[in-house]
């Protein structure tokens, strides 16, 4: 291993991370879903609020699942590619709730993932139970953004966060298209927003 990779987050133990970041009051940082600042920053999870309750208040779709032993890699933690499956699981659950799949079957227009990324905060390993949360915001008539967080019960912290740019696509004609008004309305309703 090269000298510059030594000491990277993937080489840190959970104990080292807990020393570096203070999780006694939950995940810390400037805004929802980020571990962010080191000790001394404002807590994301408020003392009076249970972390899961606050997560459910911030994100309209939250999935829960157990870590699978076979998803760990040779380094003894969940492989980085698995997080994108977690995001996909949450994205599809969100799409189900706003009627994307139903509308796509009828009209051959639907979402396509244009870009996605993940920031890893803490390594996950077996055994653990995680909660994958997502929310969406409309960016333009043809695209919207989805944000994701992965919360670990074992660590009591958000272990990863990410986002994905979703473009609406006309599969029959092979080009982007406007998001159907039914989907925009359903997203607003799910997100409890009057206007996006």
N, C-alpha and C. Protein backbone atom coordinates (compact mmCIF):
# COMPACT_ATOMS: atom_id res chain seq x y z
N UNK A 1 0.86 -1.19 0.00
CA UNK A 1 0.00 0.00 0.00
C UNK A 1 0.89 1.24 0.00
N UNK A 2 0.52 2.23 -0.79
CA UNK A 2 1.33 3.43 -0.88
C UNK A 2 1.27 4.23 0.42
N UNK A 3 2.33 5.00 0.64
CA UNK A 3 2.46 5.77 1.88
C UNK A 3 1.30 6.76 2.05
N UNK A 4 0.85 7.38 0.94
CA UNK A 4 -0.19 8.40 1.04
C UNK A 4 -1.56 7.83 1.42
N UNK A 5 -1.77 6.52 1.24
CA UNK A 5 -3.05 5.93 1.61
C UNK A 5 -3.10 5.51 3.07
N UNK A 6 -1.96 5.42 3.72
CA UNK A 6 -1.97 5.04 5.12
C UNK A 6 -2.63 6.15 5.93
N UNK A 7 -3.48 5.75 6.85
CA UNK A 7 -4.20 6.72 7.67
C UNK A 7 -5.49 7.21 7.03
N UNK A 8 -5.83 6.72 5.85
CA UNK A 8 -7.09 7.13 5.23
C UNK A 8 -8.24 6.58 6.05
N UNK A 9 -9.45 7.07 5.81
CA UNK A 9 -10.60 6.65 6.63
C UNK A 9 -10.83 5.16 6.58
N UNK A 10 -10.52 4.52 5.46
CA UNK A 10 -10.79 3.10 5.36
C UNK A 10 -9.84 2.28 6.23
N UNK A 11 -8.74 2.87 6.66
CA UNK A 11 -7.81 2.19 7.53
C UNK A 11 -8.08 2.49 9.00
N UNK A 12 -8.94 3.43 9.29
CA UNK A 12 -9.25 3.78 10.66
C UNK A 12 -10.23 2.78 11.26
N UNK A 13 -10.03 2.47 12.49
CA UNK A 13 -10.98 1.62 13.18
C UNK A 13 -12.16 2.46 13.61
N UNK A 14 -13.24 1.81 13.95
CA UNK A 14 -14.42 2.52 14.44
C UNK A 14 -14.06 3.29 15.70
N UNK A 15 -13.22 2.71 16.53
CA UNK A 15 -12.81 3.39 17.77
C UNK A 15 -12.06 4.69 17.44
N UNK A 16 -11.19 4.66 16.44
CA UNK A 16 -10.48 5.87 16.04
C UNK A 16 -11.45 6.92 15.52
N UNK A 17 -12.44 6.47 14.73
CA UNK A 17 -13.42 7.42 14.21
C UNK A 17 -14.23 8.03 15.33
N UNK A 18 -14.58 7.22 16.34
CA UNK A 18 -15.36 7.74 17.46
C UNK A 18 -14.57 8.75 18.27
N UNK A 19 -13.25 8.59 18.32
CA UNK A 19 -12.41 9.58 19.01
C UNK A 19 -12.36 10.88 18.23
N UNK A 20 -12.28 10.74 16.89
CA UNK A 20 -12.17 11.90 16.03
C UNK A 20 -13.50 12.66 15.91
N UNK A 21 -14.59 11.90 15.85
CA UNK A 21 -15.92 12.49 15.76
C UNK A 21 -16.68 12.14 17.03
N UNK A 22 -17.40 13.09 17.58
CA UNK A 22 -18.14 12.85 18.81
C UNK A 22 -19.56 12.42 18.45
N UNK A 23 -19.87 11.14 18.71
CA UNK A 23 -21.20 10.62 18.40
C UNK A 23 -22.08 10.52 19.64
N UNK A 24 -21.65 11.08 20.75
CA UNK A 24 -22.42 10.93 21.99
C UNK A 24 -23.80 11.57 21.88
N UNK A 25 -23.93 12.58 21.03
CA UNK A 25 -25.22 13.23 20.85
C UNK A 25 -25.76 12.97 19.44
N UNK A 26 -25.25 11.96 18.80
CA UNK A 26 -25.71 11.65 17.45
C UNK A 26 -24.75 12.20 16.42
N UNK A 27 -25.18 12.17 15.18
CA UNK A 27 -24.35 12.64 14.09
C UNK A 27 -24.20 14.15 14.20
N UNK A 28 -23.01 14.63 13.94
CA UNK A 28 -22.74 16.06 14.06
C UNK A 28 -22.50 16.66 12.68
N UNK A 29 -22.82 17.90 12.53
CA UNK A 29 -22.56 18.56 11.25
C UNK A 29 -23.47 19.75 11.05
N UNK A 30 -23.23 20.47 9.96
CA UNK A 30 -23.95 21.70 9.71
C UNK A 30 -25.35 21.47 9.17
N UNK A 31 -25.58 20.34 8.51
CA UNK A 31 -26.90 20.12 7.94
C UNK A 31 -27.22 18.65 7.86
N UNK A 32 -28.49 18.36 7.59
CA UNK A 32 -29.03 17.00 7.65
C UNK A 32 -28.18 16.01 6.87
N UNK A 33 -27.95 14.89 7.52
CA UNK A 33 -27.33 13.77 6.84
C UNK A 33 -25.82 13.76 6.79
N UNK A 34 -25.16 14.73 7.34
CA UNK A 34 -23.71 14.77 7.24
C UNK A 34 -23.08 14.58 8.60
N UNK A 35 -22.03 13.78 8.62
CA UNK A 35 -21.23 13.67 9.84
C UNK A 35 -20.46 14.96 10.00
N UNK A 36 -19.83 15.43 8.91
CA UNK A 36 -19.25 16.76 8.83
C UNK A 36 -18.17 17.07 9.83
N UNK A 37 -18.40 18.08 10.65
CA UNK A 37 -17.36 18.64 11.50
C UNK A 37 -16.94 17.70 12.62
N UNK A 38 -15.72 17.93 13.08
CA UNK A 38 -15.21 17.12 14.17
C UNK A 38 -15.77 17.64 15.48
N UNK A 39 -15.28 17.10 16.59
CA UNK A 39 -15.80 17.44 17.91
C UNK A 39 -15.97 18.94 18.08
N UNK A 40 -17.06 19.30 18.74
CA UNK A 40 -17.33 20.70 19.01
C UNK A 40 -18.36 21.32 18.09
N UNK A 41 -18.79 20.64 17.04
CA UNK A 41 -19.79 21.21 16.15
C UNK A 41 -21.19 20.96 16.70
N UNK A 42 -22.17 21.60 16.11
CA UNK A 42 -23.55 21.43 16.54
C UNK A 42 -24.06 20.06 16.15
N UNK A 43 -24.85 19.39 17.00
CA UNK A 43 -25.35 18.06 16.65
C UNK A 43 -26.46 18.14 15.61
N UNK A 44 -26.46 17.15 14.68
CA UNK A 44 -27.57 17.03 13.73
C UNK A 44 -28.79 16.48 14.46
N UNK A 45 -28.58 15.41 15.24
CA UNK A 45 -29.67 14.84 16.00
C UNK A 45 -29.74 15.56 17.33
N UNK A 46 -30.85 16.22 17.57
CA UNK A 46 -31.02 16.98 18.79
C UNK A 46 -31.21 16.05 19.98
N UNK A 47 -30.76 16.48 21.15
CA UNK A 47 -30.80 15.65 22.34
C UNK A 47 -32.21 15.17 22.66
N UNK A 48 -33.21 15.98 22.39
CA UNK A 48 -34.58 15.62 22.74
C UNK A 48 -35.26 14.73 21.68
N UNK A 49 -34.59 14.49 20.55
CA UNK A 49 -35.18 13.73 19.47
C UNK A 49 -34.40 12.44 19.25
N UNK A 50 -35.11 11.31 19.17
CA UNK A 50 -34.47 10.05 18.84
C UNK A 50 -33.97 10.13 17.40
N UNK A 51 -32.75 9.63 17.13
CA UNK A 51 -32.20 9.75 15.77
C UNK A 51 -33.12 9.22 14.68
N UNK A 52 -33.76 8.07 14.89
CA UNK A 52 -34.64 7.52 13.85
C UNK A 52 -35.85 8.40 13.62
N UNK A 53 -36.40 8.98 14.67
CA UNK A 53 -37.56 9.86 14.53
C UNK A 53 -37.19 11.08 13.70
N UNK A 54 -36.02 11.65 13.99
CA UNK A 54 -35.61 12.82 13.24
C UNK A 54 -35.31 12.46 11.78
N UNK A 55 -34.71 11.28 11.56
CA UNK A 55 -34.46 10.83 10.19
C UNK A 55 -35.77 10.70 9.43
N UNK A 56 -36.78 10.11 10.07
CA UNK A 56 -38.09 9.96 9.42
C UNK A 56 -38.75 11.31 9.18
N UNK A 57 -38.48 12.30 10.02
CA UNK A 57 -39.03 13.64 9.81
C UNK A 57 -38.36 14.36 8.65
N UNK A 58 -37.09 14.07 8.42
CA UNK A 58 -36.32 14.75 7.37
C UNK A 58 -36.46 14.09 6.00
N UNK A 59 -36.74 12.79 5.97
CA UNK A 59 -36.80 12.03 4.73
C UNK A 59 -38.12 11.27 4.65
N UNK A 60 -38.88 11.44 3.55
CA UNK A 60 -40.20 10.80 3.47
C UNK A 60 -40.17 9.29 3.23
N UNK A 61 -39.06 8.76 2.74
CA UNK A 61 -38.95 7.32 2.51
C UNK A 61 -37.73 6.80 3.27
N UNK A 62 -37.98 5.84 4.16
CA UNK A 62 -36.91 5.22 4.94
C UNK A 62 -37.10 3.70 4.88
N UNK A 63 -36.10 3.00 4.36
CA UNK A 63 -36.10 1.54 4.31
C UNK A 63 -35.19 1.01 5.41
N UNK A 64 -35.52 -0.15 5.96
CA UNK A 64 -34.68 -0.78 6.97
C UNK A 64 -34.30 -2.17 6.50
N UNK A 65 -33.04 -2.52 6.73
CA UNK A 65 -32.59 -3.86 6.36
C UNK A 65 -31.35 -4.23 7.16
N UNK A 66 -31.12 -5.54 7.25
CA UNK A 66 -29.94 -6.04 7.93
C UNK A 66 -28.77 -6.08 6.96
N UNK A 67 -27.57 -5.87 7.51
CA UNK A 67 -26.35 -6.01 6.72
C UNK A 67 -26.20 -7.48 6.34
N UNK A 68 -25.78 -7.74 5.12
CA UNK A 68 -25.58 -9.10 4.63
C UNK A 68 -24.09 -9.44 4.68
N UNK A 69 -23.80 -10.57 5.29
CA UNK A 69 -22.40 -11.01 5.44
C UNK A 69 -21.65 -11.00 4.11
N UNK A 70 -22.29 -11.50 3.07
CA UNK A 70 -21.64 -11.62 1.76
C UNK A 70 -21.35 -10.31 1.08
N UNK A 71 -21.85 -9.19 1.60
CA UNK A 71 -21.58 -7.87 1.02
C UNK A 71 -20.27 -7.28 1.52
N UNK A 72 -19.61 -7.96 2.47
CA UNK A 72 -18.32 -7.46 2.96
C UNK A 72 -17.23 -7.87 1.99
N UNK A 73 -16.17 -7.08 1.94
CA UNK A 73 -15.06 -7.39 1.05
C UNK A 73 -13.85 -7.87 1.85
N UNK A 74 -12.72 -7.99 1.21
CA UNK A 74 -11.51 -8.52 1.85
C UNK A 74 -11.01 -7.64 2.98
N UNK A 75 -11.44 -6.39 3.03
CA UNK A 75 -11.03 -5.47 4.09
C UNK A 75 -11.92 -5.57 5.32
N UNK A 76 -12.94 -6.45 5.27
CA UNK A 76 -13.79 -6.69 6.43
C UNK A 76 -14.89 -5.67 6.64
N UNK A 77 -15.20 -4.88 5.63
CA UNK A 77 -16.33 -3.95 5.72
C UNK A 77 -17.14 -4.04 4.44
N UNK A 78 -18.32 -3.44 4.47
CA UNK A 78 -19.20 -3.48 3.30
C UNK A 78 -18.49 -2.81 2.12
N UNK A 79 -18.48 -3.49 1.00
CA UNK A 79 -17.81 -2.98 -0.19
C UNK A 79 -18.48 -1.68 -0.65
N UNK A 80 -17.68 -0.75 -1.16
CA UNK A 80 -18.21 0.56 -1.56
C UNK A 80 -19.29 0.47 -2.63
N UNK A 81 -19.27 -0.53 -3.48
CA UNK A 81 -20.28 -0.64 -4.53
C UNK A 81 -21.66 -0.96 -3.97
N UNK A 82 -21.72 -1.57 -2.80
CA UNK A 82 -22.99 -1.98 -2.20
C UNK A 82 -23.84 -0.76 -1.83
N UNK A 83 -23.19 0.34 -1.47
CA UNK A 83 -23.93 1.55 -1.09
C UNK A 83 -24.81 2.04 -2.23
N UNK A 84 -24.36 1.84 -3.46
CA UNK A 84 -25.17 2.25 -4.60
C UNK A 84 -26.40 1.36 -4.76
N UNK A 85 -26.31 0.12 -4.33
CA UNK A 85 -27.51 -0.74 -4.28
C UNK A 85 -28.46 -0.24 -3.20
N UNK A 86 -27.90 0.16 -2.05
CA UNK A 86 -28.76 0.73 -1.00
C UNK A 86 -29.50 1.94 -1.53
N UNK A 87 -28.79 2.83 -2.23
CA UNK A 87 -29.43 4.02 -2.81
C UNK A 87 -30.50 3.62 -3.82
N UNK A 88 -30.19 2.62 -4.63
CA UNK A 88 -31.17 2.15 -5.62
C UNK A 88 -32.42 1.60 -4.95
N UNK A 89 -32.24 0.82 -3.88
CA UNK A 89 -33.40 0.29 -3.14
C UNK A 89 -34.30 1.43 -2.67
N UNK A 90 -33.69 2.47 -2.10
CA UNK A 90 -34.47 3.62 -1.61
C UNK A 90 -35.11 4.38 -2.76
N UNK A 91 -34.36 4.54 -3.85
CA UNK A 91 -34.88 5.26 -5.02
C UNK A 91 -36.11 4.56 -5.59
N UNK A 92 -36.05 3.24 -5.73
CA UNK A 92 -37.18 2.49 -6.28
C UNK A 92 -38.37 2.54 -5.34
N UNK A 93 -38.13 2.47 -4.03
CA UNK A 93 -39.23 2.60 -3.06
C UNK A 93 -39.89 3.98 -3.19
N UNK A 94 -39.07 5.01 -3.39
CA UNK A 94 -39.61 6.36 -3.59
C UNK A 94 -40.44 6.40 -4.88
N UNK A 95 -39.88 5.84 -5.95
CA UNK A 95 -40.60 5.81 -7.23
C UNK A 95 -41.94 5.09 -7.09
N UNK A 96 -41.97 3.99 -6.36
CA UNK A 96 -43.22 3.28 -6.12
C UNK A 96 -44.25 4.17 -5.43
N UNK A 97 -43.78 4.95 -4.45
CA UNK A 97 -44.71 5.79 -3.69
C UNK A 97 -45.27 6.94 -4.51
N UNK A 98 -44.52 7.43 -5.49
CA UNK A 98 -45.04 8.55 -6.29
C UNK A 98 -45.63 8.11 -7.62
N UNK A 99 -45.70 6.80 -7.87
CA UNK A 99 -46.37 6.29 -9.06
C UNK A 99 -45.54 6.26 -10.33
N UNK A 100 -44.22 6.33 -10.21
CA UNK A 100 -43.36 6.35 -11.39
C UNK A 100 -43.50 5.07 -12.22
N UNK A 101 -43.44 3.93 -11.57
CA UNK A 101 -43.45 2.65 -12.28
C UNK A 101 -44.77 2.45 -13.04
N UNK A 102 -45.86 2.76 -12.38
CA UNK A 102 -47.18 2.63 -13.01
C UNK A 102 -47.28 3.51 -14.26
N UNK A 103 -46.87 4.76 -14.15
CA UNK A 103 -46.94 5.69 -15.27
C UNK A 103 -45.99 5.27 -16.39
N UNK A 104 -44.84 4.75 -16.02
CA UNK A 104 -43.86 4.31 -17.02
C UNK A 104 -44.41 3.15 -17.86
N UNK A 105 -45.12 2.25 -17.22
CA UNK A 105 -45.72 1.12 -17.95
C UNK A 105 -46.74 1.61 -18.97
N UNK A 106 -47.49 2.65 -18.62
CA UNK A 106 -48.56 3.14 -19.50
C UNK A 106 -48.04 4.01 -20.65
N UNK A 107 -47.01 4.85 -20.38
CA UNK A 107 -46.62 5.85 -21.37
C UNK A 107 -45.17 5.75 -21.86
N UNK A 108 -44.40 4.80 -21.37
CA UNK A 108 -42.99 4.62 -21.76
C UNK A 108 -42.13 5.85 -21.50
N UNK A 109 -42.51 6.63 -20.49
CA UNK A 109 -41.64 7.72 -20.03
C UNK A 109 -41.33 7.45 -18.56
N UNK A 110 -40.09 7.71 -18.21
CA UNK A 110 -39.70 7.44 -16.83
C UNK A 110 -38.33 7.98 -16.52
N UNK A 111 -37.89 7.75 -15.31
CA UNK A 111 -36.61 8.30 -14.88
C UNK A 111 -35.43 7.49 -15.39
N UNK A 112 -34.32 8.18 -15.55
CA UNK A 112 -33.05 7.53 -15.85
C UNK A 112 -32.00 8.23 -14.99
N UNK A 113 -31.13 7.44 -14.38
CA UNK A 113 -30.10 7.99 -13.50
C UNK A 113 -28.99 8.58 -14.34
N UNK A 114 -28.76 9.89 -14.20
CA UNK A 114 -27.73 10.57 -15.00
C UNK A 114 -26.38 10.56 -14.28
N UNK A 115 -26.37 10.89 -13.00
CA UNK A 115 -25.14 10.86 -12.21
C UNK A 115 -25.48 10.44 -10.79
N UNK A 116 -24.49 9.90 -10.12
CA UNK A 116 -24.67 9.54 -8.71
C UNK A 116 -23.33 9.58 -8.02
N UNK A 117 -23.36 9.81 -6.71
CA UNK A 117 -22.12 9.80 -5.94
C UNK A 117 -22.42 9.40 -4.51
N UNK A 118 -21.37 9.02 -3.80
CA UNK A 118 -21.50 8.61 -2.41
C UNK A 118 -20.29 9.10 -1.63
N UNK A 119 -20.54 9.65 -0.45
CA UNK A 119 -19.49 10.03 0.49
C UNK A 119 -19.57 9.07 1.66
N UNK A 120 -18.49 8.38 1.93
CA UNK A 120 -18.43 7.39 2.99
C UNK A 120 -17.95 8.04 4.28
N UNK A 121 -18.70 7.83 5.37
CA UNK A 121 -18.38 8.47 6.64
C UNK A 121 -17.81 7.50 7.67
N UNK A 122 -18.39 6.31 7.74
CA UNK A 122 -17.94 5.25 8.64
C UNK A 122 -18.09 3.92 7.93
N UNK A 123 -17.19 2.97 8.16
CA UNK A 123 -17.36 1.66 7.53
C UNK A 123 -18.47 0.86 8.20
N UNK A 124 -19.23 0.14 7.40
CA UNK A 124 -20.25 -0.77 7.89
C UNK A 124 -19.71 -2.19 7.85
N UNK A 125 -20.09 -3.00 8.83
CA UNK A 125 -19.75 -4.41 8.78
C UNK A 125 -20.85 -5.22 9.46
N UNK A 126 -20.75 -6.53 9.30
CA UNK A 126 -21.73 -7.46 9.86
C UNK A 126 -21.39 -7.75 11.32
N UNK A 127 -22.38 -7.84 12.20
CA UNK A 127 -23.81 -7.62 12.00
C UNK A 127 -24.19 -6.16 12.27
N UNK A 128 -25.22 -5.71 11.61
CA UNK A 128 -25.73 -4.36 11.82
C UNK A 128 -27.09 -4.28 11.15
N UNK A 129 -27.89 -3.34 11.57
CA UNK A 129 -29.16 -3.02 10.91
C UNK A 129 -29.04 -1.58 10.44
N UNK A 130 -29.39 -1.35 9.18
CA UNK A 130 -29.27 -0.01 8.62
C UNK A 130 -30.63 0.51 8.17
N UNK A 131 -30.69 1.82 8.05
CA UNK A 131 -31.87 2.52 7.56
C UNK A 131 -31.40 3.41 6.42
N UNK A 132 -32.00 3.23 5.25
CA UNK A 132 -31.63 4.00 4.07
C UNK A 132 -32.77 4.98 3.81
N UNK A 133 -32.44 6.26 3.82
CA UNK A 133 -33.47 7.29 3.68
C UNK A 133 -33.22 8.09 2.41
N UNK A 134 -34.31 8.59 1.81
CA UNK A 134 -34.18 9.39 0.61
C UNK A 134 -35.26 10.48 0.55
N UNK A 135 -34.92 11.52 -0.16
CA UNK A 135 -35.86 12.61 -0.45
C UNK A 135 -35.50 13.17 -1.82
N UNK A 136 -36.41 13.94 -2.40
CA UNK A 136 -36.21 14.47 -3.76
C UNK A 136 -36.56 15.95 -3.83
N UNK A 137 -35.94 16.62 -4.79
CA UNK A 137 -36.28 18.02 -5.06
C UNK A 137 -36.21 18.24 -6.57
N UNK A 138 -37.24 18.91 -7.09
CA UNK A 138 -37.32 19.19 -8.52
C UNK A 138 -36.32 20.30 -8.85
N UNK A 139 -35.51 20.08 -9.88
CA UNK A 139 -34.51 21.06 -10.28
C UNK A 139 -34.93 21.84 -11.52
N UNK A 140 -35.66 21.17 -12.41
CA UNK A 140 -36.11 21.80 -13.66
C UNK A 140 -37.27 20.97 -14.19
N UNK A 141 -37.91 21.40 -15.27
CA UNK A 141 -39.03 20.61 -15.80
C UNK A 141 -38.66 19.18 -16.20
N UNK A 142 -37.36 18.90 -16.45
CA UNK A 142 -36.95 17.59 -16.92
C UNK A 142 -36.14 16.77 -15.91
N UNK A 143 -35.75 17.35 -14.80
CA UNK A 143 -34.88 16.61 -13.89
C UNK A 143 -35.12 16.95 -12.43
N UNK A 144 -34.76 15.98 -11.58
CA UNK A 144 -34.83 16.21 -10.14
C UNK A 144 -33.65 15.53 -9.47
N UNK A 145 -33.38 15.94 -8.25
CA UNK A 145 -32.26 15.41 -7.48
C UNK A 145 -32.80 14.56 -6.34
N UNK A 146 -32.10 13.47 -6.04
CA UNK A 146 -32.44 12.64 -4.89
C UNK A 146 -31.24 12.61 -3.95
N UNK A 147 -31.52 12.76 -2.67
CA UNK A 147 -30.49 12.68 -1.64
C UNK A 147 -30.72 11.41 -0.84
N UNK A 148 -29.62 10.79 -0.41
CA UNK A 148 -29.69 9.54 0.34
C UNK A 148 -28.80 9.62 1.58
N UNK A 149 -29.20 8.94 2.63
CA UNK A 149 -28.34 8.71 3.79
C UNK A 149 -28.51 7.27 4.24
N UNK A 150 -27.43 6.71 4.78
CA UNK A 150 -27.46 5.37 5.36
C UNK A 150 -27.13 5.53 6.84
N UNK A 151 -28.07 5.12 7.69
CA UNK A 151 -27.91 5.23 9.14
C UNK A 151 -27.68 3.85 9.73
N UNK A 152 -26.66 3.71 10.56
CA UNK A 152 -26.32 2.45 11.20
C UNK A 152 -26.83 2.43 12.64
N UNK A 153 -27.59 1.39 13.00
CA UNK A 153 -28.02 1.25 14.39
C UNK A 153 -26.84 0.95 15.30
N UNK A 154 -25.92 0.17 14.81
CA UNK A 154 -24.76 -0.22 15.62
C UNK A 154 -23.91 0.99 15.99
N UNK A 155 -23.69 1.88 15.05
CA UNK A 155 -22.89 3.08 15.30
C UNK A 155 -23.72 4.25 15.81
N UNK A 156 -25.03 4.18 15.61
CA UNK A 156 -25.88 5.30 15.99
C UNK A 156 -25.54 6.55 15.20
N UNK A 157 -25.15 6.35 13.93
CA UNK A 157 -24.67 7.47 13.12
C UNK A 157 -24.94 7.23 11.65
N UNK A 158 -24.91 8.31 10.89
CA UNK A 158 -25.00 8.21 9.44
C UNK A 158 -23.63 7.78 8.95
N UNK A 159 -23.61 6.68 8.20
CA UNK A 159 -22.35 6.11 7.74
C UNK A 159 -22.01 6.47 6.29
N UNK A 160 -23.00 6.90 5.54
CA UNK A 160 -22.78 7.31 4.15
C UNK A 160 -23.90 8.24 3.73
N UNK A 161 -23.58 9.08 2.78
CA UNK A 161 -24.58 9.96 2.18
C UNK A 161 -24.27 10.08 0.71
N UNK A 162 -25.30 10.35 -0.07
CA UNK A 162 -25.08 10.49 -1.50
C UNK A 162 -26.22 11.21 -2.17
N UNK A 163 -26.09 11.36 -3.47
CA UNK A 163 -27.18 11.95 -4.23
C UNK A 163 -27.13 11.41 -5.64
N UNK A 164 -28.21 11.63 -6.34
CA UNK A 164 -28.32 11.20 -7.72
C UNK A 164 -29.15 12.18 -8.52
N UNK A 165 -28.70 12.49 -9.71
CA UNK A 165 -29.46 13.34 -10.61
C UNK A 165 -30.31 12.44 -11.50
N UNK A 166 -31.61 12.66 -11.46
CA UNK A 166 -32.56 11.87 -12.23
C UNK A 166 -33.12 12.72 -13.36
N UNK A 167 -33.02 12.23 -14.58
CA UNK A 167 -33.56 12.92 -15.75
C UNK A 167 -34.75 12.11 -16.25
N UNK A 168 -35.82 12.80 -16.60
CA UNK A 168 -36.97 12.10 -17.16
C UNK A 168 -36.72 11.83 -18.63
N UNK A 169 -37.11 10.63 -19.06
CA UNK A 169 -36.71 10.13 -20.38
C UNK A 169 -37.88 9.48 -21.09
N UNK A 170 -38.01 9.82 -22.35
CA UNK A 170 -39.01 9.20 -23.22
C UNK A 170 -38.33 8.00 -23.90
N UNK A 171 -38.61 6.82 -23.38
CA UNK A 171 -37.95 5.61 -23.87
C UNK A 171 -38.37 5.24 -25.29
N UNK A 172 -39.58 5.58 -25.67
CA UNK A 172 -40.06 5.26 -27.02
C UNK A 172 -39.34 6.08 -28.08
N UNK A 173 -39.03 7.35 -27.76
CA UNK A 173 -38.39 8.24 -28.73
C UNK A 173 -36.91 8.48 -28.46
N UNK A 174 -36.38 7.92 -27.37
CA UNK A 174 -34.96 8.03 -27.08
C UNK A 174 -34.46 9.41 -26.78
N UNK A 175 -35.23 10.20 -26.00
CA UNK A 175 -34.78 11.56 -25.65
C UNK A 175 -35.39 11.98 -24.32
N UNK A 176 -34.79 12.99 -23.71
CA UNK A 176 -35.31 13.49 -22.44
C UNK A 176 -36.67 14.14 -22.66
N UNK A 177 -37.45 14.23 -21.59
CA UNK A 177 -38.78 14.82 -21.67
C UNK A 177 -39.12 15.46 -20.32
N UNK A 178 -40.20 16.20 -20.31
CA UNK A 178 -40.63 16.82 -19.06
C UNK A 178 -41.18 15.77 -18.10
N UNK A 179 -41.00 16.04 -16.81
CA UNK A 179 -41.55 15.16 -15.79
C UNK A 179 -43.07 15.29 -15.85
N UNK A 180 -43.80 14.18 -15.95
CA UNK A 180 -45.27 14.28 -16.00
C UNK A 180 -45.82 15.02 -14.77
N UNK A 181 -46.86 15.80 -15.01
CA UNK A 181 -47.43 16.60 -13.92
C UNK A 181 -47.90 15.74 -12.76
N UNK A 182 -48.38 14.52 -13.06
CA UNK A 182 -48.81 13.62 -11.97
C UNK A 182 -47.66 13.29 -11.04
N UNK A 183 -46.45 13.12 -11.60
CA UNK A 183 -45.27 12.79 -10.79
C UNK A 183 -44.83 14.01 -9.99
N UNK A 184 -44.83 15.18 -10.61
CA UNK A 184 -44.46 16.41 -9.89
C UNK A 184 -45.40 16.61 -8.70
N UNK A 185 -46.70 16.44 -8.92
CA UNK A 185 -47.69 16.59 -7.85
C UNK A 185 -47.46 15.56 -6.75
N UNK A 186 -47.18 14.32 -7.13
CA UNK A 186 -46.95 13.26 -6.15
C UNK A 186 -45.69 13.51 -5.33
N UNK A 187 -44.63 14.03 -5.98
CA UNK A 187 -43.40 14.36 -5.25
C UNK A 187 -43.68 15.47 -4.26
N UNK A 188 -44.38 16.52 -4.70
CA UNK A 188 -44.71 17.62 -3.79
C UNK A 188 -45.52 17.13 -2.60
N UNK A 189 -46.46 16.24 -2.86
CA UNK A 189 -47.29 15.71 -1.79
C UNK A 189 -46.45 14.86 -0.82
N UNK A 190 -45.61 14.01 -1.34
CA UNK A 190 -44.77 13.16 -0.50
C UNK A 190 -43.79 14.00 0.32
N UNK A 191 -43.25 15.03 -0.29
CA UNK A 191 -42.29 15.89 0.38
C UNK A 191 -42.99 16.94 1.25
N UNK A 192 -44.31 16.96 1.20
CA UNK A 192 -45.12 17.91 1.96
C UNK A 192 -44.73 19.37 1.64
N UNK A 193 -44.58 19.63 0.33
CA UNK A 193 -44.21 20.96 -0.12
C UNK A 193 -45.34 21.58 -0.92
N UNK A 194 -45.56 22.85 -0.75
CA UNK A 194 -46.58 23.52 -1.54
C UNK A 194 -46.03 23.87 -2.91
N UNK A 195 -44.76 24.25 -2.96
CA UNK A 195 -44.13 24.55 -4.26
C UNK A 195 -42.68 24.15 -4.22
N UNK A 196 -42.18 23.67 -5.36
CA UNK A 196 -40.76 23.28 -5.46
C UNK A 196 -40.03 24.25 -6.34
